[in-house]
Amino acid sequence: MAQKSEIEWTDATWNPVTGCTKVGPGCDNCYAERFAERWRGVADHPYEQGFDLKIWPSRLEQPRLWKKPRMIFVNSMSDLFHKDIDRRFIDSVFDTMERADWHVYQVLTKRSSLLRNYVGARYAGGPVPRHIWLGVSVEDAAHASRIRHLKEVNSEARFISFEPLLGPIDEVDLHGIAWAIVGGESGPGARPMQADWARRLRDISERDGVAFFFKQWGGARPKSGGRLLDGEEWNGFPWRIVPKSILDALQPENV
């Protein structure tokens, strides 16, 4: 099921795969798992299987039906590079993204080495198409190696989601990254984010020429703490990497 997204940094979600398994502390309070498990056992519901991994071939062509260009978050309810997803199905997802090239696709993973290896093989002859953005989630310093893997991808459109930010990331080189998104955890048992952690990533982003987006403080609900950092909204977006052919159709007033 594809839908308009309430996520601040995208327009729509596309889930050719749903369900996942945990790979680190950033997964402990997964919002997608919490949502999907509400429907486990409900006959004929898209999440009848809860958060168990499920492949949806019937959804592969959805972006081709959307004629107006959109920012599309790929697999908001899963991880495209989960080890149990057949490579041939990942090929099919990338085939669709390449054909429906009037959209921008935002692919986000915690399985950064699998992303690097797959993309390196698929695009061995050149860079990843600019309308396919590749990103990694990094929740703390212990998982900063995902940034190194991302930098090994031949793409101008690399981004990082520091959400939920669970600890300080003091020393990191973001040169070569187009966009940094920072946010605190939300939902039951949300772990608090300290202001200095967010400020440090903002300052590093400014130093290294990275567009900086502060998404939320988090709390019991996503909007509980608002999204002001030091009294300001930080809505940085990497417009420079949006292909010129679709730039005006997306958000011309922000360019």
C-alpha atoms as a PDB file:
ATOM      1  CA  MET A   1       0.000   0.000   0.000  1.00  0.00           C
ATOM      2  CA  ALA A   2       1.456   3.333  -1.080  1.00  0.00           C
ATOM      3  CA  GLN A   3       0.314   6.525   0.534  1.00  0.00           C
ATOM      4  CA  LYS A   4       0.965  10.186   1.157  1.00  0.00           C
ATOM      5  CA  SER A   5       3.494  10.440   3.938  1.00  0.00           C
ATOM      6  CA  GLU A   6       3.404  12.397   7.180  1.00  0.00           C
ATOM      7  CA  ILE A   7       7.199  12.162   7.358  1.00  0.00           C
ATOM      8  CA  GLU A   8       8.488  15.728   7.065  1.00  0.00           C
ATOM      9  CA  TRP A   9      11.281  15.006   4.612  1.00  0.00           C
ATOM     10  CA  THR A  10       9.374  13.063   1.936  1.00  0.00           C
ATOM     11  CA  ASP A  11       6.104  13.160  -0.041  1.00  0.00           C
ATOM     12  CA  ALA A  12       5.046   9.523  -0.251  1.00  0.00           C
ATOM     13  CA  THR A  13       5.994   6.018   0.831  1.00  0.00           C
ATOM     14  CA  TRP A  14       6.341   2.913  -1.327  1.00  0.00           C
ATOM     15  CA  ASN A  15       6.600  -0.469   0.353  1.00  0.00           C
ATOM     16  CA  PRO A  16       7.357  -3.342  -2.046  1.00  0.00           C
ATOM     17  CA  VAL A  17       8.599  -5.109   1.097  1.00  0.00           C
ATOM     18  CA  THR A  18       7.183  -4.973   4.624  1.00  0.00           C
ATOM     19  CA  GLY A  19       8.510  -6.366   7.868  1.00  0.00           C
ATOM     20  CA  CYS A  20      12.036  -6.554   9.215  1.00  0.00           C
ATOM     21  CA  THR A  21      14.286  -7.815  12.036  1.00  0.00           C
ATOM     22  CA  LYS A  22      16.386  -5.856  14.514  1.00  0.00           C
ATOM     23  CA  VAL A  23      20.058  -5.081  13.896  1.00  0.00           C
ATOM     24  CA  GLY A  24      20.915  -2.562  16.619  1.00  0.00           C
ATOM     25  CA  PRO A  25      19.665  -0.309  19.399  1.00  0.00           C
ATOM     26  CA  GLY A  26      18.038   2.030  16.906  1.00  0.00           C
ATOM     27  CA  CYS A  27      15.565  -0.773  16.195  1.00  0.00           C
ATOM     28  CA  ASP A  28      14.526  -1.391  19.798  1.00  0.00           C
ATOM     29  CA  ASN A  29      11.392   0.782  19.677  1.00  0.00           C
ATOM     30  CA  CYS A  30      10.698   0.508  15.943  1.00  0.00           C
ATOM     31  CA  TYR A  31       7.612   2.518  14.972  1.00  0.00           C
ATOM     32  CA  ALA A  32       6.980   0.296  11.933  1.00  0.00           C
ATOM     33  CA  GLU A  33       6.977  -2.851  14.040  1.00  0.00           C
ATOM     34  CA  ARG A  34       4.664  -1.267  16.587  1.00  0.00           C
ATOM     35  CA  PHE A  35       2.217  -0.277  13.864  1.00  0.00           C
ATOM     36  CA  ALA A  36       2.309  -3.580  11.981  1.00  0.00           C
ATOM     37  CA  GLU A  37       1.900  -5.792  15.030  1.00  0.00           C
ATOM     38  CA  ARG A  38      -1.416  -4.106  15.866  1.00  0.00           C
ATOM     39  CA  TRP A  39      -2.914  -5.942  12.907  1.00  0.00           C
ATOM     40  CA  ARG A  40      -1.376  -9.402  13.318  1.00  0.00           C
ATOM     41  CA  GLY A  41      -3.999 -12.044  12.760  1.00  0.00           C
ATOM     42  CA  VAL A  42      -6.564  -9.688  11.212  1.00  0.00           C
ATOM     43  CA  ALA A  43      -7.684 -11.549   8.106  1.00  0.00           C
ATOM     44  CA  ASP A  44      -7.055  -9.828   4.763  1.00  0.00           C
ATOM     45  CA  HIS A  45      -5.297  -6.846   6.358  1.00  0.00           C
ATOM     46  CA  PRO A  46      -1.987  -5.808   4.689  1.00  0.00           C
ATOM     47  CA  TYR A  47      -0.312  -6.529   8.043  1.00  0.00           C
ATOM     48  CA  GLU A  48      -2.131  -9.752   8.815  1.00  0.00           C
ATOM     49  CA  GLN A  49       1.358 -11.254   9.198  1.00  0.00           C
ATOM     50  CA  GLY A  50       2.403  -8.495  11.620  1.00  0.00           C
ATOM     51  CA  PHE A  51       5.987  -7.399  11.113  1.00  0.00           C
ATOM     52  CA  ASP A  52       7.187 -10.648   9.569  1.00  0.00           C
ATOM     53  CA  LEU A  53       9.107 -10.048   6.354  1.00  0.00           C
ATOM     54  CA  LYS A  54       6.847 -10.107   3.286  1.00  0.00           C
ATOM     55  CA  ILE A  55       7.590  -9.455  -0.366  1.00  0.00           C
ATOM     56  CA  TRP A  56       4.900  -7.661  -2.415  1.00  0.00           C
ATOM     57  CA  PRO A  57       5.494  -8.167  -6.172  1.00  0.00           C
ATOM     58  CA  SER A  58       2.073  -6.615  -6.831  1.00  0.00           C
ATOM     59  CA  ARG A  59       3.399  -3.267  -5.616  1.00  0.00           C
ATOM     60  CA  LEU A  60       6.424  -3.077  -7.887  1.00  0.00           C
ATOM     61  CA  GLU A  61       4.734  -0.940 -10.532  1.00  0.00           C
ATOM     62  CA  GLN A  62       3.075   1.593  -8.200  1.00  0.00           C
ATOM     63  CA  PRO A  63       5.493   4.494  -8.846  1.00  0.00           C
ATOM     64  CA  ARG A  64       4.884   4.210 -12.576  1.00  0.00           C
ATOM     65  CA  LEU A  65       1.208   4.980 -11.958  1.00  0.00           C
ATOM     66  CA  TRP A  66       2.024   8.271 -10.214  1.00  0.00           C
ATOM     67  CA  LYS A  67       2.434  10.782 -13.016  1.00  0.00           C
ATOM     68  CA  LYS A  68       3.252  13.812 -10.863  1.00  0.00           C
ATOM     69  CA  PRO A  69       6.860  13.780  -9.594  1.00  0.00           C
ATOM     70  CA  ARG A  70       7.233  12.933  -5.903  1.00  0.00           C
ATOM     71  CA  MET A  71       9.868  12.359  -3.263  1.00  0.00           C
ATOM     72  CA  ILE A  72       9.313   8.690  -2.434  1.00  0.00           C
ATOM     73  CA  PHE A  73      10.625   6.995   0.704  1.00  0.00           C
ATOM     74  CA  VAL A  74      11.285   3.390  -0.329  1.00  0.00           C
ATOM     75  CA  ASN A  75      10.369   0.731   2.238  1.00  0.00           C
ATOM     76  CA  SER A  76       9.368   2.909   5.160  1.00  0.00           C
ATOM     77  CA  MET A  77       8.046  -0.312   6.706  1.00  0.00           C
ATOM     78  CA  SER A  78      11.098  -2.483   6.032  1.00  0.00           C
ATOM     79  CA  ASP A  79      14.719  -2.429   4.851  1.00  0.00           C
ATOM     80  CA  LEU A  80      15.383  -3.109   1.174  1.00  0.00           C
ATOM     81  CA  PHE A  81      18.755  -4.659   2.031  1.00  0.00           C
ATOM     82  CA  HIS A  82      17.516  -7.181   4.569  1.00  0.00           C
ATOM     83  CA  LYS A  83      19.567 -10.358   4.121  1.00  0.00           C
ATOM     84  CA  ASP A  84      16.463 -12.465   3.436  1.00  0.00           C
ATOM     85  CA  ILE A  85      15.288 -10.410   0.455  1.00  0.00           C
ATOM     86  CA  ASP A  86      16.266 -12.146  -2.773  1.00  0.00           C
ATOM     87  CA  ARG A  87      18.662 -10.108  -4.883  1.00  0.00           C
ATOM     88  CA  ARG A  88      16.423 -10.608  -7.913  1.00  0.00           C
ATOM     89  CA  PHE A  89      13.626  -8.792  -6.119  1.00  0.00           C
ATOM     90  CA  ILE A  90      15.970  -5.936  -5.209  1.00  0.00           C
ATOM     91  CA  ASP A  91      16.837  -5.831  -8.915  1.00  0.00           C
ATOM     92  CA  SER A  92      13.139  -5.444  -9.696  1.00  0.00           C
ATOM     93  CA  VAL A  93      12.815  -2.529  -7.251  1.00  0.00           C
ATOM     94  CA  PHE A  94      15.786  -0.772  -8.843  1.00  0.00           C
ATOM     95  CA  ASP A  95      14.409  -1.524 -12.316  1.00  0.00           C
ATOM     96  CA  THR A  96      11.210   0.312 -11.382  1.00  0.00           C
ATOM     97  CA  MET A  97      13.132   3.263  -9.931  1.00  0.00           C
ATOM     98  CA  GLU A  98      15.184   3.526 -13.110  1.00  0.00           C
ATOM     99  CA  ARG A  99      12.143   3.377 -15.396  1.00  0.00           C
ATOM    100  CA  ALA A 100       9.957   5.765 -13.368  1.00  0.00           C
ATOM    101  CA  ASP A 101      12.709   8.367 -13.336  1.00  0.00           C
ATOM    102  CA  TRP A 102      10.446  11.392 -12.899  1.00  0.00           C
ATOM    103  CA  HIS A 103      10.437  10.712  -9.131  1.00  0.00           C
ATOM    104  CA  VAL A 104      13.190  11.013  -6.515  1.00  0.00           C
ATOM    105  CA  TYR A 105      13.598   7.812  -4.478  1.00  0.00           C
ATOM    106  CA  GLN A 106      14.988   7.834  -0.937  1.00  0.00           C
ATOM    107  CA  VAL A 107      16.379   4.431   0.032  1.00  0.00           C
ATOM    108  CA  LEU A 108      17.393   4.189   3.694  1.00  0.00           C
ATOM    109  CA  THR A 109      19.075   1.200   5.334  1.00  0.00           C
ATOM    110  CA  LYS A 110      20.925   0.052   8.441  1.00  0.00           C
ATOM    111  CA  ARG A 111      22.533  -2.746   6.433  1.00  0.00           C
ATOM    112  CA  SER A 112      25.126  -0.465   4.910  1.00  0.00           C
ATOM    113  CA  SER A 113      27.648  -3.049   3.729  1.00  0.00           C
ATOM    114  CA  LEU A 114      24.943  -4.877   1.763  1.00  0.00           C
ATOM    115  CA  LEU A 115      23.879  -1.566   0.208  1.00  0.00           C
ATOM    116  CA  ARG A 116      27.474  -0.788  -0.752  1.00  0.00           C
ATOM    117  CA  ASN A 117      28.067  -4.237  -2.245  1.00  0.00           C
ATOM    118  CA  TYR A 118      24.822  -4.345  -4.209  1.00  0.00           C
ATOM    119  CA  VAL A 119      25.114  -0.846  -5.632  1.00  0.00           C
ATOM    120  CA  GLY A 120      28.779  -1.328  -6.449  1.00  0.00           C
ATOM    121  CA  ALA A 121      27.910  -4.379  -8.545  1.00  0.00           C
ATOM    122  CA  ARG A 122      24.814  -2.908 -10.227  1.00  0.00           C
ATOM    123  CA  TYR A 123      26.472   0.371 -11.174  1.00  0.00           C
ATOM    124  CA  ALA A 124      30.010  -0.878 -11.714  1.00  0.00           C
ATOM    125  CA  GLY A 125      30.288   1.173 -14.889  1.00  0.00           C
ATOM    126  CA  GLY A 126      29.384   4.554 -13.408  1.00  0.00           C
ATOM    127  CA  PRO A 127      27.498   6.507 -10.744  1.00  0.00           C
ATOM    128  CA  VAL A 128      24.078   5.746  -9.323  1.00  0.00           C
ATOM    129  CA  PRO A 129      21.371   7.739 -11.169  1.00  0.00           C
ATOM    130  CA  ARG A 130      20.885  11.080  -9.404  1.00  0.00           C
ATOM    131  CA  HIS A 131      17.182  10.514  -8.781  1.00  0.00           C
ATOM    132  CA  ILE A 132      17.972   7.471  -6.602  1.00  0.00           C
ATOM    133  CA  TRP A 133      19.161   8.700  -3.212  1.00  0.00           C
ATOM    134  CA  LEU A 134      20.950   6.259  -0.934  1.00  0.00           C
ATOM    135  CA  GLY A 135      21.087   6.696   2.823  1.00  0.00           C
ATOM    136  CA  VAL A 136      22.023   4.998   6.074  1.00  0.00           C
ATOM    137  CA  SER A 137      20.616   5.256   9.585  1.00  0.00           C
ATOM    138  CA  VAL A 138      23.131   5.973  12.349  1.00  0.00           C
ATOM    139  CA  GLU A 139      21.887   6.064  15.931  1.00  0.00           C
ATOM    140  CA  ASP A 140      25.166   6.430  17.849  1.00  0.00           C
ATOM    141  CA  ALA A 141      28.939   6.476  17.497  1.00  0.00           C
ATOM    142  CA  ALA A 142      29.155   2.685  17.679  1.00  0.00           C
ATOM    143  CA  HIS A 143      27.385   2.464  14.318  1.00  0.00           C
ATOM    144  CA  ALA A 144      29.226   5.260  12.522  1.00  0.00           C
ATOM    145  CA  SER A 145      30.938   2.682  10.275  1.00  0.00           C
ATOM    146  CA  ARG A 146      27.743   2.812   8.212  1.00  0.00           C
ATOM    147  CA  ILE A 147      28.848   6.265   7.080  1.00  0.00           C
ATOM    148  CA  ARG A 148      32.110   4.844   5.742  1.00  0.00           C
ATOM    149  CA  HIS A 149      30.205   2.214   3.785  1.00  0.00           C
ATOM    150  CA  LEU A 150      27.931   4.899   2.339  1.00  0.00           C
ATOM    151  CA  LYS A 151      30.897   6.969   1.217  1.00  0.00           C
ATOM    152  CA  GLU A 152      32.127   3.973  -0.764  1.00  0.00           C
ATOM    153  CA  VAL A 153      29.031   4.236  -2.969  1.00  0.00           C
ATOM    154  CA  ASN A 154      29.507   6.096  -6.258  1.00  0.00           C
ATOM    155  CA  SER A 155      26.720   8.638  -5.848  1.00  0.00           C
ATOM    156  CA  GLU A 156      26.235  12.365  -5.399  1.00  0.00           C
ATOM    157  CA  ALA A 157      22.994  11.719  -3.524  1.00  0.00           C
ATOM    158  CA  ARG A 158      24.109  10.238  -0.205  1.00  0.00           C
ATOM    159  CA  PHE A 159      22.195  11.022   2.969  1.00  0.00           C
ATOM    160  CA  ILE A 160      22.211  10.043   6.636  1.00  0.00           C
ATOM    161  CA  SER A 161      19.341   9.748   9.092  1.00  0.00           C
ATOM    162  CA  PHE A 162      20.585  10.252  12.652  1.00  0.00           C
ATOM    163  CA  GLU A 163      17.245   9.089  14.031  1.00  0.00           C
ATOM    164  CA  PRO A 164      16.631   8.018  16.645  1.00  0.00           C
ATOM    165  CA  LEU A 165      19.771   9.744  17.871  1.00  0.00           C
ATOM    166  CA  LEU A 166      20.669   7.769  21.009  1.00  0.00           C
ATOM    167  CA  GLY A 167      24.125   9.094  21.819  1.00  0.00           C
ATOM    168  CA  PRO A 168      26.771  11.637  20.877  1.00  0.00           C
ATOM    169  CA  ILE A 169      28.585  11.411  17.546  1.00  0.00           C
ATOM    170  CA  ASP A 170      31.378  13.859  18.159  1.00  0.00           C
ATOM    171  CA  GLU A 171      34.027  13.084  15.565  1.00  0.00           C
ATOM    172  CA  VAL A 172      32.685  12.330  12.109  1.00  0.00           C
ATOM    173  CA  ASP A 173      33.613  13.487   8.619  1.00  0.00           C
ATOM    174  CA  LEU A 174      30.517  14.262   6.547  1.00  0.00           C
ATOM    175  CA  HIS A 175      32.304  15.507   3.439  1.00  0.00           C
ATOM    176  CA  GLY A 176      30.653  13.881   0.439  1.00  0.00           C
ATOM    177  CA  ILE A 177      27.297  13.569   2.195  1.00  0.00           C
ATOM    178  CA  ALA A 178      24.492  15.685   0.717  1.00  0.00           C
ATOM    179  CA  TRP A 179      21.990  15.658   3.577  1.00  0.00           C
ATOM    180  CA  ALA A 180      21.843  14.983   7.314  1.00  0.00           C
ATOM    181  CA  ILE A 181      18.549  14.389   9.134  1.00  0.00           C
ATOM    182  CA  VAL A 182      18.512  14.430  12.943  1.00  0.00           C
ATOM    183  CA  GLY A 183      15.671  13.402  15.209  1.00  0.00           C
ATOM    184  CA  GLY A 184      14.833  12.036  18.615  1.00  0.00           C
ATOM    185  CA  GLU A 185      12.932   8.827  19.289  1.00  0.00           C
ATOM    186  CA  SER A 186       9.154   8.840  19.662  1.00  0.00           C
ATOM    187  CA  GLY A 187       6.582   6.402  20.992  1.00  0.00           C
ATOM    188  CA  PRO A 188       6.219   4.351  24.189  1.00  0.00           C
ATOM    189  CA  GLY A 189       9.489   4.210  26.110  1.00  0.00           C
ATOM    190  CA  ALA A 190      11.146   6.825  23.917  1.00  0.00           C
ATOM    191  CA  ARG A 191      14.770   7.427  24.927  1.00  0.00           C
ATOM    192  CA  PRO A 192      15.581  11.149  25.230  1.00  0.00           C
ATOM    193  CA  MET A 193      17.979  12.954  22.919  1.00  0.00           C
ATOM    194  CA  GLN A 194      20.312  15.537  24.422  1.00  0.00           C
ATOM    195  CA  ALA A 195      20.489  18.947  22.780  1.00  0.00           C
ATOM    196  CA  ASP A 196      24.274  18.905  22.517  1.00  0.00           C
ATOM    197  CA  TRP A 197      24.146  15.747  20.398  1.00  0.00           C
ATOM    198  CA  ALA A 198      21.938  17.494  17.845  1.00  0.00           C
ATOM    199  CA  ARG A 199      23.919  20.747  17.994  1.00  0.00           C
ATOM    200  CA  ARG A 200      27.157  18.907  17.304  1.00  0.00           C
ATOM    201  CA  LEU A 201      25.763  17.283  14.169  1.00  0.00           C
ATOM    202  CA  ARG A 202      24.349  20.625  13.037  1.00  0.00           C
ATOM    203  CA  ASP A 203      27.752  22.249  13.443  1.00  0.00           C
ATOM    204  CA  ILE A 204      29.539  19.406  11.640  1.00  0.00           C
ATOM    205  CA  SER A 205      27.018  19.642   8.804  1.00  0.00           C
ATOM    206  CA  GLU A 206      27.644  23.363   8.450  1.00  0.00           C
ATOM    207  CA  ARG A 207      31.400  22.797   8.542  1.00  0.00           C
ATOM    208  CA  ASP A 208      31.304  20.071   5.889  1.00  0.00           C
ATOM    209  CA  GLY A 209      28.760  21.702   3.556  1.00  0.00           C
ATOM    210  CA  VAL A 210      25.893  19.318   4.295  1.00  0.00           C
ATOM    211  CA  ALA A 211      22.219  20.337   4.230  1.00  0.00           C
ATOM    212  CA  PHE A 212      20.895  19.902   7.792  1.00  0.00           C
ATOM    213  CA  PHE A 213      17.316  18.952   8.673  1.00  0.00           C
ATOM    214  CA  PHE A 214      16.175  18.781  12.297  1.00  0.00           C
ATOM    215  CA  LYS A 215      13.102  16.563  12.288  1.00  0.00           C
ATOM    216  CA  GLN A 216      11.937  16.365  15.914  1.00  0.00           C
ATOM    217  CA  TRP A 217      12.825  16.084  19.584  1.00  0.00           C
ATOM    218  CA  GLY A 218      10.499  13.117  19.944  1.00  0.00           C
ATOM    219  CA  GLY A 219       8.756  11.889  23.062  1.00  0.00           C
ATOM    220  CA  ALA A 220       5.518  10.010  23.599  1.00  0.00           C
ATOM    221  CA  ARG A 221       4.431  11.186  20.142  1.00  0.00           C
ATOM    222  CA  PRO A 222       6.533  12.425  17.211  1.00  0.00           C
ATOM    223  CA  LYS A 223       5.460  16.032  17.710  1.00  0.00           C
ATOM    224  CA  SER A 224       5.570  16.000  21.523  1.00  0.00           C
ATOM    225  CA  GLY A 225       8.741  18.053  21.765  1.00  0.00           C
ATOM    226  CA  GLY A 226       8.313  20.116  18.641  1.00  0.00           C
ATOM    227  CA  ARG A 227      11.131  20.594  16.141  1.00  0.00           C
ATOM    228  CA  LEU A 228      12.903  23.793  17.173  1.00  0.00           C
ATOM    229  CA  LEU A 229      16.621  23.559  17.849  1.00  0.00           C
ATOM    230  CA  ASP A 230      17.971  26.629  19.627  1.00  0.00           C
ATOM    231  CA  GLY A 231      14.729  28.419  18.809  1.00  0.00           C
ATOM    232  CA  GLU A 232      14.878  27.772  15.053  1.00  0.00           C
ATOM    233  CA  GLU A 233      13.543  25.318  12.507  1.00  0.00           C
ATOM    234  CA  TRP A 234      16.299  23.700  10.490  1.00  0.00           C
ATOM    235  CA  ASN A 235      14.844  22.666   7.155  1.00  0.00           C
ATOM    236  CA  GLY A 236      17.940  22.155   5.064  1.00  0.00           C
ATOM    237  CA  PHE A 237      17.353  20.176   1.897  1.00  0.00           C
ATOM    238  CA  PRO A 238      19.883  19.190  -0.802  1.00  0.00           C
ATOM    239  CA  TRP A 239      18.199  20.853  -3.754  1.00  0.00           C
ATOM    240  CA  ARG A 240      21.486  20.901  -5.638  1.00  0.00           C
ATOM    241  CA  ILE A 241      21.317  17.134  -6.186  1.00  0.00           C
ATOM    242  CA  VAL A 242      17.733  17.046  -7.448  1.00  0.00           C
ATOM    243  CA  PRO A 243      17.847  16.324 -11.200  1.00  0.00           C
ATOM    244  CA  LYS A 244      17.080  19.495 -13.157  1.00  0.00           C
ATOM    245  CA  SER A 245      14.464  17.685 -15.207  1.00  0.00           C
ATOM    246  CA  ILE A 246      12.184  17.336 -12.151  1.00  0.00           C
ATOM    247  CA  LEU A 247      13.342  20.170  -9.914  1.00  0.00           C
ATOM    248  CA  ASP A 248      10.558  22.626 -10.757  1.00  0.00           C
ATOM    249  CA  ALA A 249       7.849  19.989 -10.411  1.00  0.00           C
ATOM    250  CA  LEU A 250       8.846  19.126  -6.850  1.00  0.00           C
ATOM    251  CA  GLN A 251       9.219  22.311  -4.794  1.00  0.00           C
ATOM    252  CA  PRO A 252      10.098  25.295  -6.968  1.00  0.00           C
ATOM    253  CA  GLU A 253       9.348  27.791  -4.181  1.00  0.00           C
ATOM    254  CA  ASN A 254      12.166  26.328  -2.068  1.00  0.00           C
ATOM    255  CA  VAL A 255      14.869  26.408  -4.694  1.00  0.00           C
END
